[in-house]
């Protein structure tokens, strides 16, 4: 079947990395900047331009908050995990980034795209592009049982219908519902 005949859920499934693929990718990227970019793109669910435009003042290293300018000039706050924060602190120090208005990553979105394409070929034997990390993050959130309104807020989507595709394509939502309902046969 040709690609244009794929449903939205099938297209989404093709653009999501498994957690194992994600871990393998991050563990095997040799360039520290590229490793941080991948982790930030995943942690934040941000678009590549939102990350490449970050200045030092956009990042709160104490709270792990990152202020991005989203699509349609909508500001939003996204977050990073501790391991990403630690790598980022080292990177900022090594790059001697001191001015609040300095770009943290002196790289274009197209260069990030190109580098990810190379890593995808070399490490995962598959096509890879920056937006896949956003898709992967949002899909993993849906798989972990995060509700569509929370994912919508995190992603900065204007409409919950945009987010619901992640819920619909989740292989785990049914299992989560089953487990939450409890075992009626279990003696309490």
C-alpha atoms as a PDB file:
ATOM      1  CA  UNK A   1       0.000   0.000   0.000  1.00  0.00           C
ATOM      2  CA  UNK A   2       1.365   3.447  -0.854  1.00  0.00           C
ATOM      3  CA  UNK A   3       2.245   5.981   1.835  1.00  0.00           C
ATOM      4  CA  UNK A   4      -0.587   8.365   0.939  1.00  0.00           C
ATOM      5  CA  UNK A   5      -3.077   5.569   1.625  1.00  0.00           C
ATOM      6  CA  UNK A   6      -1.878   5.202   5.224  1.00  0.00           C
ATOM      7  CA  UNK A   7      -4.220   6.337   7.975  1.00  0.00           C
ATOM      8  CA  UNK A   8      -3.082   9.128  10.311  1.00  0.00           C
ATOM      9  CA  UNK A   9      -2.484   6.528  13.030  1.00  0.00           C
ATOM     10  CA  UNK A  10      -0.312   4.422  10.691  1.00  0.00           C
ATOM     11  CA  UNK A  11       1.726   7.494   9.664  1.00  0.00           C
ATOM     12  CA  UNK A  12       2.162   8.410  13.326  1.00  0.00           C
ATOM     13  CA  UNK A  13       3.294   4.875  14.204  1.00  0.00           C
ATOM     14  CA  UNK A  14       6.025   5.107  11.521  1.00  0.00           C
ATOM     15  CA  UNK A  15       7.316   8.344  13.044  1.00  0.00           C
ATOM     16  CA  UNK A  16       7.606   7.102  16.638  1.00  0.00           C
ATOM     17  CA  UNK A  17      10.746   5.603  18.136  1.00  0.00           C
ATOM     18  CA  UNK A  18      10.377   2.840  20.673  1.00  0.00           C
ATOM     19  CA  UNK A  19      11.857   3.618  24.077  1.00  0.00           C
ATOM     20  CA  UNK A  20      14.595   1.051  23.333  1.00  0.00           C
ATOM     21  CA  UNK A  21      15.472   2.800  20.048  1.00  0.00           C
ATOM     22  CA  UNK A  22      15.525   6.157  21.815  1.00  0.00           C
ATOM     23  CA  UNK A  23      17.863   4.899  24.560  1.00  0.00           C
ATOM     24  CA  UNK A  24      20.162   3.218  22.036  1.00  0.00           C
ATOM     25  CA  UNK A  25      20.284   6.390  19.947  1.00  0.00           C
ATOM     26  CA  UNK A  26      21.146   8.654  22.891  1.00  0.00           C
ATOM     27  CA  UNK A  27      23.690   6.205  24.323  1.00  0.00           C
ATOM     28  CA  UNK A  28      25.522   5.986  20.982  1.00  0.00           C
ATOM     29  CA  UNK A  29      25.634   9.586  19.751  1.00  0.00           C
ATOM     30  CA  UNK A  30      29.298  10.585  20.147  1.00  0.00           C
ATOM     31  CA  UNK A  31      28.853  14.378  19.874  1.00  0.00           C
ATOM     32  CA  UNK A  32      27.826  15.886  23.256  1.00  0.00           C
ATOM     33  CA  UNK A  33      25.865  18.759  21.651  1.00  0.00           C
ATOM     34  CA  UNK A  34      23.902  16.374  19.439  1.00  0.00           C
ATOM     35  CA  UNK A  35      23.202  14.062  22.391  1.00  0.00           C
ATOM     36  CA  UNK A  36      21.818  17.015  24.395  1.00  0.00           C
ATOM     37  CA  UNK A  37      19.749  18.190  21.410  1.00  0.00           C
ATOM     38  CA  UNK A  38      18.146  14.751  21.060  1.00  0.00           C
ATOM     39  CA  UNK A  39      17.429  14.546  24.789  1.00  0.00           C
ATOM     40  CA  UNK A  40      15.999  18.085  24.840  1.00  0.00           C
ATOM     41  CA  UNK A  41      13.848  17.488  21.761  1.00  0.00           C
ATOM     42  CA  UNK A  42      12.458  14.376  23.432  1.00  0.00           C
ATOM     43  CA  UNK A  43      12.127  15.677  27.014  1.00  0.00           C
ATOM     44  CA  UNK A  44      10.432  18.897  25.974  1.00  0.00           C
ATOM     45  CA  UNK A  45       8.437  17.647  23.006  1.00  0.00           C
ATOM     46  CA  UNK A  46       9.526  20.940  21.446  1.00  0.00           C
ATOM     47  CA  UNK A  47       9.940  21.610  17.761  1.00  0.00           C
ATOM     48  CA  UNK A  48      13.518  21.821  16.450  1.00  0.00           C
ATOM     49  CA  UNK A  49      13.313  25.584  15.807  1.00  0.00           C
ATOM     50  CA  UNK A  50      12.104  26.118  19.385  1.00  0.00           C
ATOM     51  CA  UNK A  51      15.248  24.389  20.696  1.00  0.00           C
ATOM     52  CA  UNK A  52      17.766  25.900  18.254  1.00  0.00           C
ATOM     53  CA  UNK A  53      16.471  29.398  19.115  1.00  0.00           C
ATOM     54  CA  UNK A  54      17.005  28.975  22.870  1.00  0.00           C
ATOM     55  CA  UNK A  55      19.052  31.617  24.621  1.00  0.00           C
ATOM     56  CA  UNK A  56      20.602  31.172  28.037  1.00  0.00           C
ATOM     57  CA  UNK A  57      17.872  33.312  29.658  1.00  0.00           C
ATOM     58  CA  UNK A  58      15.196  30.913  28.310  1.00  0.00           C
ATOM     59  CA  UNK A  59      16.512  28.086  30.494  1.00  0.00           C
ATOM     60  CA  UNK A  60      16.061  27.946  34.267  1.00  0.00           C
ATOM     61  CA  UNK A  61      18.722  25.525  35.466  1.00  0.00           C
ATOM     62  CA  UNK A  62      17.252  25.486  38.992  1.00  0.00           C
ATOM     63  CA  UNK A  63      13.675  24.542  38.119  1.00  0.00           C
ATOM     64  CA  UNK A  64      14.444  22.680  34.846  1.00  0.00           C
ATOM     65  CA  UNK A  65      11.942  24.956  33.064  1.00  0.00           C
ATOM     66  CA  UNK A  66      12.552  26.034  29.486  1.00  0.00           C
ATOM     67  CA  UNK A  67      10.593  28.881  27.937  1.00  0.00           C
ATOM     68  CA  UNK A  68      10.039  28.358  24.209  1.00  0.00           C
ATOM     69  CA  UNK A  69       8.289  30.450  21.612  1.00  0.00           C
ATOM     70  CA  UNK A  70       5.891  28.033  19.994  1.00  0.00           C
ATOM     71  CA  UNK A  71       4.083  27.869  16.711  1.00  0.00           C
ATOM     72  CA  UNK A  72       2.003  30.981  16.078  1.00  0.00           C
ATOM     73  CA  UNK A  73       4.239  32.952  18.486  1.00  0.00           C
ATOM     74  CA  UNK A  74       2.620  31.204  21.456  1.00  0.00           C
ATOM     75  CA  UNK A  75       5.003  31.063  24.421  1.00  0.00           C
ATOM     76  CA  UNK A  76       4.947  27.953  26.566  1.00  0.00           C
ATOM     77  CA  UNK A  77       7.027  26.327  29.259  1.00  0.00           C
ATOM     78  CA  UNK A  78       8.478  22.868  28.767  1.00  0.00           C
ATOM     79  CA  UNK A  79      10.645  20.792  31.078  1.00  0.00           C
ATOM     80  CA  UNK A  80      13.721  18.599  31.066  1.00  0.00           C
ATOM     81  CA  UNK A  81      14.771  15.617  33.110  1.00  0.00           C
ATOM     82  CA  UNK A  82      17.710  15.640  35.526  1.00  0.00           C
ATOM     83  CA  UNK A  83      20.092  13.698  33.264  1.00  0.00           C
ATOM     84  CA  UNK A  84      19.474  16.188  30.435  1.00  0.00           C
ATOM     85  CA  UNK A  85      19.957  19.103  32.832  1.00  0.00           C
ATOM     86  CA  UNK A  86      23.328  17.737  33.973  1.00  0.00           C
ATOM     87  CA  UNK A  87      24.572  17.327  30.383  1.00  0.00           C
ATOM     88  CA  UNK A  88      23.318  20.811  29.539  1.00  0.00           C
ATOM     89  CA  UNK A  89      25.107  22.401  32.524  1.00  0.00           C
ATOM     90  CA  UNK A  90      28.398  20.793  31.454  1.00  0.00           C
ATOM     91  CA  UNK A  91      27.843  21.897  27.841  1.00  0.00           C
ATOM     92  CA  UNK A  92      27.072  25.517  28.835  1.00  0.00           C
ATOM     93  CA  UNK A  93      30.188  25.614  31.012  1.00  0.00           C
ATOM     94  CA  UNK A  94      32.449  24.010  28.363  1.00  0.00           C
ATOM     95  CA  UNK A  95      31.114  26.359  25.658  1.00  0.00           C
ATOM     96  CA  UNK A  96      31.612  29.308  28.022  1.00  0.00           C
ATOM     97  CA  UNK A  97      28.087  30.605  27.390  1.00  0.00           C
ATOM     98  CA  UNK A  98      27.776  33.539  29.771  1.00  0.00           C
ATOM     99  CA  UNK A  99      25.509  36.187  28.238  1.00  0.00           C
ATOM    100  CA  UNK A 100      21.775  35.725  28.931  1.00  0.00           C
ATOM    101  CA  UNK A 101      21.084  36.580  25.271  1.00  0.00           C
ATOM    102  CA  UNK A 102      23.575  34.069  23.822  1.00  0.00           C
ATOM    103  CA  UNK A 103      22.192  31.234  21.743  1.00  0.00           C
ATOM    104  CA  UNK A 104      22.836  27.980  23.590  1.00  0.00           C
ATOM    105  CA  UNK A 105      23.190  25.891  20.425  1.00  0.00           C
ATOM    106  CA  UNK A 106      24.831  27.594  17.490  1.00  0.00           C
ATOM    107  CA  UNK A 107      23.229  25.275  14.944  1.00  0.00           C
ATOM    108  CA  UNK A 108      20.451  25.637  12.409  1.00  0.00           C
ATOM    109  CA  UNK A 109      17.334  23.459  12.398  1.00  0.00           C
ATOM    110  CA  UNK A 110      18.451  22.087   9.012  1.00  0.00           C
ATOM    111  CA  UNK A 111      21.811  21.000  10.458  1.00  0.00           C
ATOM    112  CA  UNK A 112      20.025  19.234  13.336  1.00  0.00           C
ATOM    113  CA  UNK A 113      17.801  17.547  10.750  1.00  0.00           C
ATOM    114  CA  UNK A 114      20.840  16.469   8.692  1.00  0.00           C
ATOM    115  CA  UNK A 115      22.719  15.136  11.744  1.00  0.00           C
ATOM    116  CA  UNK A 116      19.691  13.165  12.940  1.00  0.00           C
ATOM    117  CA  UNK A 117      19.253  11.682   9.490  1.00  0.00           C
ATOM    118  CA  UNK A 118      22.883  10.468   9.657  1.00  0.00           C
ATOM    119  CA  UNK A 119      22.471   9.041  13.179  1.00  0.00           C
ATOM    120  CA  UNK A 120      19.254   7.344  12.120  1.00  0.00           C
ATOM    121  CA  UNK A 121      21.005   5.591   9.236  1.00  0.00           C
ATOM    122  CA  UNK A 122      24.131   4.668  11.206  1.00  0.00           C
ATOM    123  CA  UNK A 123      22.605   3.690  14.549  1.00  0.00           C
ATOM    124  CA  UNK A 124      18.997   2.660  13.948  1.00  0.00           C
ATOM    125  CA  UNK A 125      18.976   1.787  10.261  1.00  0.00           C
ATOM    126  CA  UNK A 126      15.912   3.976   9.730  1.00  0.00           C
ATOM    127  CA  UNK A 127      14.863   7.442   8.637  1.00  0.00           C
ATOM    128  CA  UNK A 128      15.074   9.918  11.466  1.00  0.00           C
ATOM    129  CA  UNK A 129      14.114  13.583  11.673  1.00  0.00           C
ATOM    130  CA  UNK A 130      13.730  16.006  14.609  1.00  0.00           C
ATOM    131  CA  UNK A 131       9.923  15.979  14.710  1.00  0.00           C
ATOM    132  CA  UNK A 132      10.041  12.209  15.364  1.00  0.00           C
ATOM    133  CA  UNK A 133      11.330  12.986  18.851  1.00  0.00           C
ATOM    134  CA  UNK A 134       8.255  15.162  19.501  1.00  0.00           C
ATOM    135  CA  UNK A 135       5.968  12.441  18.119  1.00  0.00           C
ATOM    136  CA  UNK A 136       7.780   9.841  20.216  1.00  0.00           C
ATOM    137  CA  UNK A 137       7.490  11.887  23.414  1.00  0.00           C
ATOM    138  CA  UNK A 138       3.785  12.558  22.971  1.00  0.00           C
ATOM    139  CA  UNK A 139       3.106   8.932  22.005  1.00  0.00           C
ATOM    140  CA  UNK A 140       5.058   7.639  25.017  1.00  0.00           C
ATOM    141  CA  UNK A 141       3.026   9.980  27.255  1.00  0.00           C
ATOM    142  CA  UNK A 142      -0.204   8.564  25.793  1.00  0.00           C
ATOM    143  CA  UNK A 143       1.148   5.030  26.246  1.00  0.00           C
ATOM    144  CA  UNK A 144       1.886   5.833  29.896  1.00  0.00           C
ATOM    145  CA  UNK A 145      -1.740   6.826  30.447  1.00  0.00           C
ATOM    146  CA  UNK A 146      -1.394  10.615  30.392  1.00  0.00           C
ATOM    147  CA  UNK A 147      -4.766  12.091  29.391  1.00  0.00           C
ATOM    148  CA  UNK A 148      -5.195  13.964  26.110  1.00  0.00           C
ATOM    149  CA  UNK A 149      -5.830  17.351  27.788  1.00  0.00           C
ATOM    150  CA  UNK A 150      -2.537  17.145  29.688  1.00  0.00           C
ATOM    151  CA  UNK A 151      -0.662  16.107  26.530  1.00  0.00           C
ATOM    152  CA  UNK A 152      -2.380  18.956  24.630  1.00  0.00           C
ATOM    153  CA  UNK A 153      -1.154  21.478  27.213  1.00  0.00           C
ATOM    154  CA  UNK A 154       2.363  20.032  27.185  1.00  0.00           C
ATOM    155  CA  UNK A 155       2.612  20.007  23.388  1.00  0.00           C
ATOM    156  CA  UNK A 156       1.102  23.448  22.969  1.00  0.00           C
ATOM    157  CA  UNK A 157      -1.595  22.124  20.645  1.00  0.00           C
ATOM    158  CA  UNK A 158      -4.487  24.509  19.956  1.00  0.00           C
ATOM    159  CA  UNK A 159      -7.048  21.712  19.727  1.00  0.00           C
ATOM    160  CA  UNK A 160      -7.417  18.481  21.667  1.00  0.00           C
ATOM    161  CA  UNK A 161      -8.311  16.747  18.371  1.00  0.00           C
ATOM    162  CA  UNK A 162      -4.658  17.179  17.334  1.00  0.00           C
ATOM    163  CA  UNK A 163      -3.592  15.331  20.466  1.00  0.00           C
ATOM    164  CA  UNK A 164      -6.176  12.560  20.308  1.00  0.00           C
ATOM    165  CA  UNK A 165      -4.292  10.835  17.487  1.00  0.00           C
ATOM    166  CA  UNK A 166      -1.662   9.844  20.033  1.00  0.00           C
ATOM    167  CA  UNK A 167      -4.330   8.384  22.310  1.00  0.00           C
ATOM    168  CA  UNK A 168      -6.021   6.529  19.427  1.00  0.00           C
ATOM    169  CA  UNK A 169      -2.760   5.024  18.199  1.00  0.00           C
ATOM    170  CA  UNK A 170      -1.599   3.960  21.654  1.00  0.00           C
ATOM    171  CA  UNK A 171      -1.255   0.204  21.883  1.00  0.00           C
ATOM    172  CA  UNK A 172      -1.387   0.489  25.678  1.00  0.00           C
ATOM    173  CA  UNK A 173      -4.513   2.552  26.377  1.00  0.00           C
ATOM    174  CA  UNK A 174      -6.737  -0.539  26.416  1.00  0.00           C
ATOM    175  CA  UNK A 175      -4.373  -2.334  28.780  1.00  0.00           C
ATOM    176  CA  UNK A 176      -4.215   0.727  31.061  1.00  0.00           C
ATOM    177  CA  UNK A 177      -8.018   0.877  31.214  1.00  0.00           C
ATOM    178  CA  UNK A 178      -8.134  -2.855  31.956  1.00  0.00           C
ATOM    179  CA  UNK A 179      -5.575  -2.567  34.775  1.00  0.00           C
ATOM    180  CA  UNK A 180      -7.200   0.539  36.303  1.00  0.00           C
ATOM    181  CA  UNK A 181     -10.573  -1.185  36.382  1.00  0.00           C
ATOM    182  CA  UNK A 182      -9.075  -3.783  38.713  1.00  0.00           C
ATOM    183  CA  UNK A 183      -9.589  -7.513  38.974  1.00  0.00           C
ATOM    184  CA  UNK A 184     -13.144  -8.300  40.053  1.00  0.00           C
ATOM    185  CA  UNK A 185     -12.106 -11.912  40.790  1.00  0.00           C
ATOM    186  CA  UNK A 186      -9.450 -10.872  43.264  1.00  0.00           C
ATOM    187  CA  UNK A 187     -10.526 -11.346  46.882  1.00  0.00           C
ATOM    188  CA  UNK A 188     -10.139  -8.130  48.845  1.00  0.00           C
END
